[in-house]
Amino acid sequence: MEEVEDEPLFAERVAGLDIARAGLVAAVRVPGRGRRRMQEVREFGVTRRELEELAGWLEGHGVTRAGMESTSDYR
């Protein structure tokens, strides 16, 4: 994890997900020292096993809120 400065918090432990057809990129931010936050970014595939790995990673960091963005139409 790397240390980053952050905006005022709406939640202590958050994730951002950028979803695409072939995979997704997830970023987690958790408390650091003072106003600093710790951040980690990982890529995941979209198979069931890989999505379960994502869920475990988020749970392991204690993430309570997530926002997501998708650039494609999946209908």
PDB file of N, CA and C in Angstrom:
ATOM      1  N   MET A   1       0.843  -1.172   0.000  1.00  0.00           N
ATOM      2  CA  MET A   1       0.000   0.000   0.000  1.00  0.00           C
ATOM      3  C   MET A   1       0.885   1.232   0.000  1.00  0.00           C
ATOM      4  N   GLU A   2       0.400   2.266  -0.659  1.00  0.00           N
ATOM      5  CA  GLU A   2       1.117   3.536  -0.656  1.00  0.00           C
ATOM      6  C   GLU A   2       0.322   4.564   0.141  1.00  0.00           C
ATOM      7  N   GLU A   3       1.023   5.556   0.689  1.00  0.00           N
ATOM      8  CA  GLU A   3       0.368   6.589   1.477  1.00  0.00           C
ATOM      9  C   GLU A   3      -0.013   7.743   0.564  1.00  0.00           C
ATOM     10  N   VAL A   4      -1.257   8.241   0.701  1.00  0.00           N
ATOM     11  CA  VAL A   4      -1.753   9.337  -0.129  1.00  0.00           C
ATOM     12  C   VAL A   4      -2.512  10.334   0.742  1.00  0.00           C
ATOM     13  N   GLU A   5      -2.614  11.595   0.262  1.00  0.00           N
ATOM     14  CA  GLU A   5      -3.464  12.567   0.941  1.00  0.00           C
ATOM     15  C   GLU A   5      -4.865  12.413   0.403  1.00  0.00           C
ATOM     16  N   ASP A   6      -5.860  12.748   1.220  1.00  0.00           N
ATOM     17  CA  ASP A   6      -7.235  12.492   0.818  1.00  0.00           C
ATOM     18  C   ASP A   6      -8.133  13.664   1.155  1.00  0.00           C
ATOM     19  N   GLU A   7      -9.287  13.682   0.514  1.00  0.00           N
ATOM     20  CA  GLU A   7     -10.347  14.643   0.791  1.00  0.00           C
ATOM     21  C   GLU A   7     -11.019  14.267   2.108  1.00  0.00           C
ATOM     22  N   PRO A   8     -11.876  15.149   2.642  1.00  0.00           N
ATOM     23  CA  PRO A   8     -12.643  14.753   3.833  1.00  0.00           C
ATOM     24  C   PRO A   8     -13.405  13.453   3.572  1.00  0.00           C
ATOM     25  N   LEU A   9     -13.535  12.629   4.599  1.00  0.00           N
ATOM     26  CA  LEU A   9     -14.074  11.285   4.446  1.00  0.00           C
ATOM     27  C   LEU A   9     -15.581  11.219   4.562  1.00  0.00           C
ATOM     28  N   PHE A  10     -16.202  10.397   3.743  1.00  0.00           N
ATOM     29  CA  PHE A  10     -17.602  10.032   3.955  1.00  0.00           C
ATOM     30  C   PHE A  10     -17.675   8.632   4.542  1.00  0.00           C
ATOM     31  N   ALA A  11     -16.566   7.905   4.488  1.00  0.00           N
ATOM     32  CA  ALA A  11     -16.456   6.582   5.104  1.00  0.00           C
ATOM     33  C   ALA A  11     -14.973   6.310   5.356  1.00  0.00           C
ATOM     34  N   GLU A  12     -14.680   5.582   6.395  1.00  0.00           N
ATOM     35  CA  GLU A  12     -13.288   5.271   6.759  1.00  0.00           C
ATOM     36  C   GLU A  12     -12.598   4.373   5.736  1.00  0.00           C
ATOM     37  N   ARG A  13     -13.304   3.337   5.296  1.00  0.00           N
ATOM     38  CA  ARG A  13     -12.703   2.319   4.427  1.00  0.00           C
ATOM     39  C   ARG A  13     -13.545   2.201   3.160  1.00  0.00           C
ATOM     40  N   VAL A  14     -12.982   2.671   2.048  1.00  0.00           N
ATOM     41  CA  VAL A  14     -13.755   2.770   0.806  1.00  0.00           C
ATOM     42  C   VAL A  14     -13.024   2.091  -0.352  1.00  0.00           C
ATOM     43  N   ALA A  15     -13.798   1.775  -1.379  1.00  0.00           N
ATOM     44  CA  ALA A  15     -13.240   1.202  -2.603  1.00  0.00           C
ATOM     45  C   ALA A  15     -13.866   1.885  -3.803  1.00  0.00           C
ATOM     46  N   GLY A  16     -13.110   1.971  -4.876  1.00  0.00           N
ATOM     47  CA  GLY A  16     -13.609   2.432  -6.161  1.00  0.00           C
ATOM     48  C   GLY A  16     -13.365   1.330  -7.170  1.00  0.00           C
ATOM     49  N   LEU A  17     -14.369   1.043  -7.990  1.00  0.00           N
ATOM     50  CA  LEU A  17     -14.268  -0.033  -8.979  1.00  0.00           C
ATOM     51  C   LEU A  17     -14.510   0.537 -10.362  1.00  0.00           C
ATOM     52  N   ASP A  18     -13.619   0.252 -11.303  1.00  0.00           N
ATOM     53  CA  ASP A  18     -13.782   0.632 -12.709  1.00  0.00           C
ATOM     54  C   ASP A  18     -13.970  -0.670 -13.477  1.00  0.00           C
ATOM     55  N   ILE A  19     -15.185  -0.879 -13.976  1.00  0.00           N
ATOM     56  CA  ILE A  19     -15.568  -2.172 -14.544  1.00  0.00           C
ATOM     57  C   ILE A  19     -15.553  -2.136 -16.068  1.00  0.00           C
ATOM     58  N   ALA A  20     -14.961  -3.164 -16.665  1.00  0.00           N
ATOM     59  CA  ALA A  20     -14.940  -3.339 -18.122  1.00  0.00           C
ATOM     60  C   ALA A  20     -15.338  -4.777 -18.435  1.00  0.00           C
ATOM     61  N   ARG A  21     -15.524  -5.084 -19.701  1.00  0.00           N
ATOM     62  CA  ARG A  21     -15.931  -6.443 -20.089  1.00  0.00           C
ATOM     63  C   ARG A  21     -14.915  -7.504 -19.669  1.00  0.00           C
ATOM     64  N   ALA A  22     -13.645  -7.213 -19.877  1.00  0.00           N
ATOM     65  CA  ALA A  22     -12.610  -8.219 -19.650  1.00  0.00           C
ATOM     66  C   ALA A  22     -12.049  -8.217 -18.233  1.00  0.00           C
ATOM     67  N   GLY A  23     -12.383  -7.222 -17.441  1.00  0.00           N
ATOM     68  CA  GLY A  23     -11.830  -7.170 -16.091  1.00  0.00           C
ATOM     69  C   GLY A  23     -12.213  -5.888 -15.392  1.00  0.00           C
ATOM     70  N   LEU A  24     -11.626  -5.679 -14.245  1.00  0.00           N
ATOM     71  CA  LEU A  24     -11.895  -4.454 -13.506  1.00  0.00           C
ATOM     72  C   LEU A  24     -10.670  -4.050 -12.721  1.00  0.00           C
ATOM     73  N   VAL A  25     -10.616  -2.762 -12.416  1.00  0.00           N
ATOM     74  CA  VAL A  25      -9.560  -2.210 -11.577  1.00  0.00           C
ATOM     75  C   VAL A  25     -10.229  -1.734 -10.301  1.00  0.00           C
ATOM     76  N   ALA A  26      -9.658  -2.103  -9.167  1.00  0.00           N
ATOM     77  CA  ALA A  26     -10.213  -1.732  -7.867  1.00  0.00           C
ATOM     78  C   ALA A  26      -9.158  -0.976  -7.069  1.00  0.00           C
ATOM     79  N   ALA A  27      -9.586   0.098  -6.430  1.00  0.00           N
ATOM     80  CA  ALA A  27      -8.721   0.868  -5.540  1.00  0.00           C
ATOM     81  C   ALA A  27      -9.354   0.874  -4.156  1.00  0.00           C
ATOM     82  N   VAL A  28      -8.536   0.664  -3.137  1.00  0.00           N
ATOM     83  CA  VAL A  28      -8.995   0.685  -1.746  1.00  0.00           C
ATOM     84  C   VAL A  28      -8.248   1.795  -1.020  1.00  0.00           C
ATOM     85  N   ARG A  29      -8.971   2.562  -0.216  1.00  0.00           N
ATOM     86  CA  ARG A  29      -8.347   3.566   0.656  1.00  0.00           C
ATOM     87  C   ARG A  29      -8.803   3.309   2.086  1.00  0.00           C
ATOM     88  N   VAL A  30      -7.815   3.222   2.971  1.00  0.00           N
ATOM     89  CA  VAL A  30      -8.074   2.960   4.392  1.00  0.00           C
ATOM     90  C   VAL A  30      -7.303   3.983   5.219  1.00  0.00           C
ATOM     91  N   PRO A  31      -7.625   4.115   6.519  1.00  0.00           N
ATOM     92  CA  PRO A  31      -6.944   5.107   7.352  1.00  0.00           C
ATOM     93  C   PRO A  31      -5.438   4.900   7.398  1.00  0.00           C
ATOM     94  N   GLY A  32      -4.729   6.025   7.407  1.00  0.00           N
ATOM     95  CA  GLY A  32      -3.277   6.040   7.602  1.00  0.00           C
ATOM     96  C   GLY A  32      -2.988   6.870   8.833  1.00  0.00           C
ATOM     97  N   ARG A  33      -1.948   7.682   8.768  1.00  0.00           N
ATOM     98  CA  ARG A  33      -1.593   8.563   9.891  1.00  0.00           C
ATOM     99  C   ARG A  33      -2.120   9.966   9.637  1.00  0.00           C
ATOM    100  N   GLY A  34      -2.730  10.573  10.650  1.00  0.00           N
ATOM    101  CA  GLY A  34      -3.247  11.937  10.514  1.00  0.00           C
ATOM    102  C   GLY A  34      -4.276  12.025   9.399  1.00  0.00           C
ATOM    103  N   ARG A  35      -4.100  12.996   8.495  1.00  0.00           N
ATOM    104  CA  ARG A  35      -4.995  13.140   7.348  1.00  0.00           C
ATOM    105  C   ARG A  35      -4.584  12.238   6.191  1.00  0.00           C
ATOM    106  N   ARG A  36      -3.532  11.501   6.356  1.00  0.00           N
ATOM    107  CA  ARG A  36      -3.042  10.635   5.280  1.00  0.00           C
ATOM    108  C   ARG A  36      -3.873   9.358   5.226  1.00  0.00           C
ATOM    109  N   ARG A  37      -3.912   8.751   4.048  1.00  0.00           N
ATOM    110  CA  ARG A  37      -4.626   7.493   3.832  1.00  0.00           C
ATOM    111  C   ARG A  37      -3.670   6.527   3.156  1.00  0.00           C
ATOM    112  N   MET A  38      -3.949   5.243   3.313  1.00  0.00           N
ATOM    113  CA  MET A  38      -3.210   4.211   2.614  1.00  0.00           C
ATOM    114  C   MET A  38      -4.066   3.770   1.432  1.00  0.00           C
ATOM    115  N   GLN A  39      -3.425   3.550   0.303  1.00  0.00           N
ATOM    116  CA  GLN A  39      -4.148   3.194  -0.920  1.00  0.00           C
ATOM    117  C   GLN A  39      -3.475   2.012  -1.598  1.00  0.00           C
ATOM    118  N   GLU A  40      -4.297   1.115  -2.130  1.00  0.00           N
ATOM    119  CA  GLU A  40      -3.798  -0.013  -2.918  1.00  0.00           C
ATOM    120  C   GLU A  40      -4.705  -0.177  -4.126  1.00  0.00           C
ATOM    121  N   VAL A  41      -4.102  -0.422  -5.289  1.00  0.00           N
ATOM    122  CA  VAL A  41      -4.850  -0.617  -6.530  1.00  0.00           C
ATOM    123  C   VAL A  41      -4.502  -1.992  -7.091  1.00  0.00           C
ATOM    124  N   ARG A  42      -5.528  -2.747  -7.472  1.00  0.00           N
ATOM    125  CA  ARG A  42      -5.323  -4.082  -8.059  1.00  0.00           C
ATOM    126  C   ARG A  42      -6.259  -4.287  -9.243  1.00  0.00           C
ATOM    127  N   GLU A  43      -5.871  -5.195 -10.121  1.00  0.00           N
ATOM    128  CA  GLU A  43      -6.721  -5.580 -11.251  1.00  0.00           C
ATOM    129  C   GLU A  43      -7.260  -6.980 -11.004  1.00  0.00           C
ATOM    130  N   PHE A  44      -8.502  -7.200 -11.416  1.00  0.00           N
ATOM    131  CA  PHE A  44      -9.156  -8.498 -11.265  1.00  0.00           C
ATOM    132  C   PHE A  44      -9.834  -8.863 -12.577  1.00  0.00           C
ATOM    133  N   GLY A  45      -9.957 -10.147 -12.827  1.00  0.00           N
ATOM    134  CA  GLY A  45     -10.721 -10.637 -13.962  1.00  0.00           C
ATOM    135  C   GLY A  45     -12.197 -10.694 -13.600  1.00  0.00           C
ATOM    136  N   VAL A  46     -12.989 -11.278 -14.467  1.00  0.00           N
ATOM    137  CA  VAL A  46     -14.439 -11.296 -14.252  1.00  0.00           C
ATOM    138  C   VAL A  46     -15.014 -12.710 -14.093  1.00  0.00           C
ATOM    139  N   THR A  47     -14.155 -13.700 -13.912  1.00  0.00           N
ATOM    140  CA  THR A  47     -14.676 -15.036 -13.639  1.00  0.00           C
ATOM    141  C   THR A  47     -15.202 -15.079 -12.211  1.00  0.00           C
ATOM    142  N   ARG A  48     -15.993 -16.078 -11.916  1.00  0.00           N
ATOM    143  CA  ARG A  48     -16.539 -16.209 -10.553  1.00  0.00           C
ATOM    144  C   ARG A  48     -15.422 -16.270  -9.516  1.00  0.00           C
ATOM    145  N   ARG A  49     -14.393 -17.058  -9.789  1.00  0.00           N
ATOM    146  CA  ARG A  49     -13.272 -17.189  -8.862  1.00  0.00           C
ATOM    147  C   ARG A  49     -12.585 -15.844  -8.635  1.00  0.00           C
ATOM    148  N   GLU A  50     -12.376 -15.082  -9.698  1.00  0.00           N
ATOM    149  CA  GLU A  50     -11.700 -13.786  -9.578  1.00  0.00           C
ATOM    150  C   GLU A  50     -12.572 -12.762  -8.843  1.00  0.00           C
ATOM    151  N   LEU A  51     -13.884 -12.806  -9.065  1.00  0.00           N
ATOM    152  CA  LEU A  51     -14.781 -11.896  -8.352  1.00  0.00           C
ATOM    153  C   LEU A  51     -14.870 -12.262  -6.873  1.00  0.00           C
ATOM    154  N   GLU A  52     -14.794 -13.553  -6.563  1.00  0.00           N
ATOM    155  CA  GLU A  52     -14.746 -13.968  -5.158  1.00  0.00           C
ATOM    156  C   GLU A  52     -13.437 -13.518  -4.510  1.00  0.00           C
ATOM    157  N   GLU A  53     -12.345 -13.523  -5.274  1.00  0.00           N
ATOM    158  CA  GLU A  53     -11.062 -13.019  -4.783  1.00  0.00           C
ATOM    159  C   GLU A  53     -11.174 -11.517  -4.495  1.00  0.00           C
ATOM    160  N   LEU A  54     -11.833 -10.775  -5.387  1.00  0.00           N
ATOM    161  CA  LEU A  54     -12.085  -9.340  -5.168  1.00  0.00           C
ATOM    162  C   LEU A  54     -12.871  -9.132  -3.876  1.00  0.00           C
ATOM    163  N   ALA A  55     -13.938  -9.895  -3.694  1.00  0.00           N
ATOM    164  CA  ALA A  55     -14.767  -9.768  -2.497  1.00  0.00           C
ATOM    165  C   ALA A  55     -13.938 -10.024  -1.239  1.00  0.00           C
ATOM    166  N   GLY A  56     -13.102 -11.037  -1.256  1.00  0.00           N
ATOM    167  CA  GLY A  56     -12.247 -11.340  -0.114  1.00  0.00           C
ATOM    168  C   GLY A  56     -11.244 -10.234   0.159  1.00  0.00           C
ATOM    169  N   TRP A  57     -10.684  -9.645  -0.908  1.00  0.00           N
ATOM    170  CA  TRP A  57      -9.726  -8.547  -0.777  1.00  0.00           C
ATOM    171  C   TRP A  57     -10.399  -7.341  -0.136  1.00  0.00           C
ATOM    172  N   LEU A  58     -11.616  -7.000  -0.614  1.00  0.00           N
ATOM    173  CA  LEU A  58     -12.354  -5.867  -0.043  1.00  0.00           C
ATOM    174  C   LEU A  58     -12.705  -6.141   1.420  1.00  0.00           C
ATOM    175  N   GLU A  59     -13.175  -7.336   1.703  1.00  0.00           N
ATOM    176  CA  GLU A  59     -13.527  -7.702   3.074  1.00  0.00           C
ATOM    177  C   GLU A  59     -12.295  -7.668   3.978  1.00  0.00           C
ATOM    178  N   GLY A  60     -11.167  -8.124   3.456  1.00  0.00           N
ATOM    179  CA  GLY A  60      -9.928  -8.128   4.232  1.00  0.00           C
ATOM    180  C   GLY A  60      -9.474  -6.732   4.628  1.00  0.00           C
ATOM    181  N   HIS A  61      -9.805  -5.739   3.815  1.00  0.00           N
ATOM    182  CA  HIS A  61      -9.479  -4.348   4.128  1.00  0.00           C
ATOM    183  C   HIS A  61     -10.588  -3.669   4.925  1.00  0.00           C
ATOM    184  N   GLY A  62     -11.666  -4.384   5.207  1.00  0.00           N
ATOM    185  CA  GLY A  62     -12.763  -3.813   5.988  1.00  0.00           C
ATOM    186  C   GLY A  62     -13.555  -2.756   5.252  1.00  0.00           C
ATOM    187  N   VAL A  63     -13.606  -2.840   3.917  1.00  0.00           N
ATOM    188  CA  VAL A  63     -14.325  -1.845   3.111  1.00  0.00           C
ATOM    189  C   VAL A  63     -15.819  -1.875   3.446  1.00  0.00           C
ATOM    190  N   THR A  64     -16.377  -0.684   3.701  1.00  0.00           N
ATOM    191  CA  THR A  64     -17.804  -0.568   4.029  1.00  0.00           C
ATOM    192  C   THR A  64     -18.594   0.156   2.949  1.00  0.00           C
ATOM    193  N   ARG A  65     -17.917   0.856   2.060  1.00  0.00           N
ATOM    194  CA  ARG A  65     -18.586   1.583   0.972  1.00  0.00           C
ATOM    195  C   ARG A  65     -17.780   1.416  -0.307  1.00  0.00           C
ATOM    196  N   ALA A  66     -18.499   1.319  -1.428  1.00  0.00           N
ATOM    197  CA  ALA A  66     -17.823   1.218  -2.731  1.00  0.00           C
ATOM    198  C   ALA A  66     -18.606   2.022  -3.749  1.00  0.00           C
ATOM    199  N   GLY A  67     -17.858   2.616  -4.650  1.00  0.00           N
ATOM    200  CA  GLY A  67     -18.449   3.299  -5.806  1.00  0.00           C
ATOM    201  C   GLY A  67     -17.937   2.609  -7.050  1.00  0.00           C
ATOM    202  N   MET A  68     -18.775   2.561  -8.096  1.00  0.00           N
ATOM    203  CA  MET A  68     -18.317   1.894  -9.307  1.00  0.00           C
ATOM    204  C   MET A  68     -18.683   2.675 -10.540  1.00  0.00           C
ATOM    205  N   GLU A  69     -17.898   2.451 -11.586  1.00  0.00           N
ATOM    206  CA  GLU A  69     -18.073   3.142 -12.850  1.00  0.00           C
ATOM    207  C   GLU A  69     -17.863   2.130 -13.962  1.00  0.00           C
ATOM    208  N   SER A  70     -18.690   2.227 -14.977  1.00  0.00           N
ATOM    209  CA  SER A  70     -18.603   1.327 -16.107  1.00  0.00           C
ATOM    210  C   SER A  70     -18.683   2.151 -17.384  1.00  0.00           C
ATOM    211  N   THR A  71     -17.845   1.814 -18.359  1.00  0.00           N
ATOM    212  CA  THR A  71     -17.806   2.609 -19.593  1.00  0.00           C
ATOM    213  C   THR A  71     -18.500   1.917 -20.761  1.00  0.00           C
ATOM    214  N   SER A  72     -19.185   0.829 -20.532  1.00  0.00           N
ATOM    215  CA  SER A  72     -19.802   0.104 -21.620  1.00  0.00           C
ATOM    216  C   SER A  72     -21.256  -0.222 -21.291  1.00  0.00           C
ATOM    217  N   ASP A  73     -21.984  -0.590 -22.306  1.00  0.00           N
ATOM    218  CA  ASP A  73     -23.371  -1.018 -22.156  1.00  0.00           C
ATOM    219  C   ASP A  73     -23.361  -2.545 -22.093  1.00  0.00           C
ATOM    220  N   TYR A  74     -23.858  -3.121 -21.016  1.00  0.00           N
ATOM    221  CA  TYR A  74     -23.793  -4.572 -20.822  1.00  0.00           C
ATOM    222  C   TYR A  74     -25.122  -5.270 -21.050  1.00  0.00           C
ATOM    223  N   ARG A  75     -26.038  -4.642 -21.764  1.00  0.00           N
ATOM    224  CA  ARG A  75     -27.326  -5.294 -22.053  1.00  0.00           C
ATOM    225  C   ARG A  75     -27.195  -6.315 -23.125  1.00  0.00           C
TER     226      ARG A  75
END
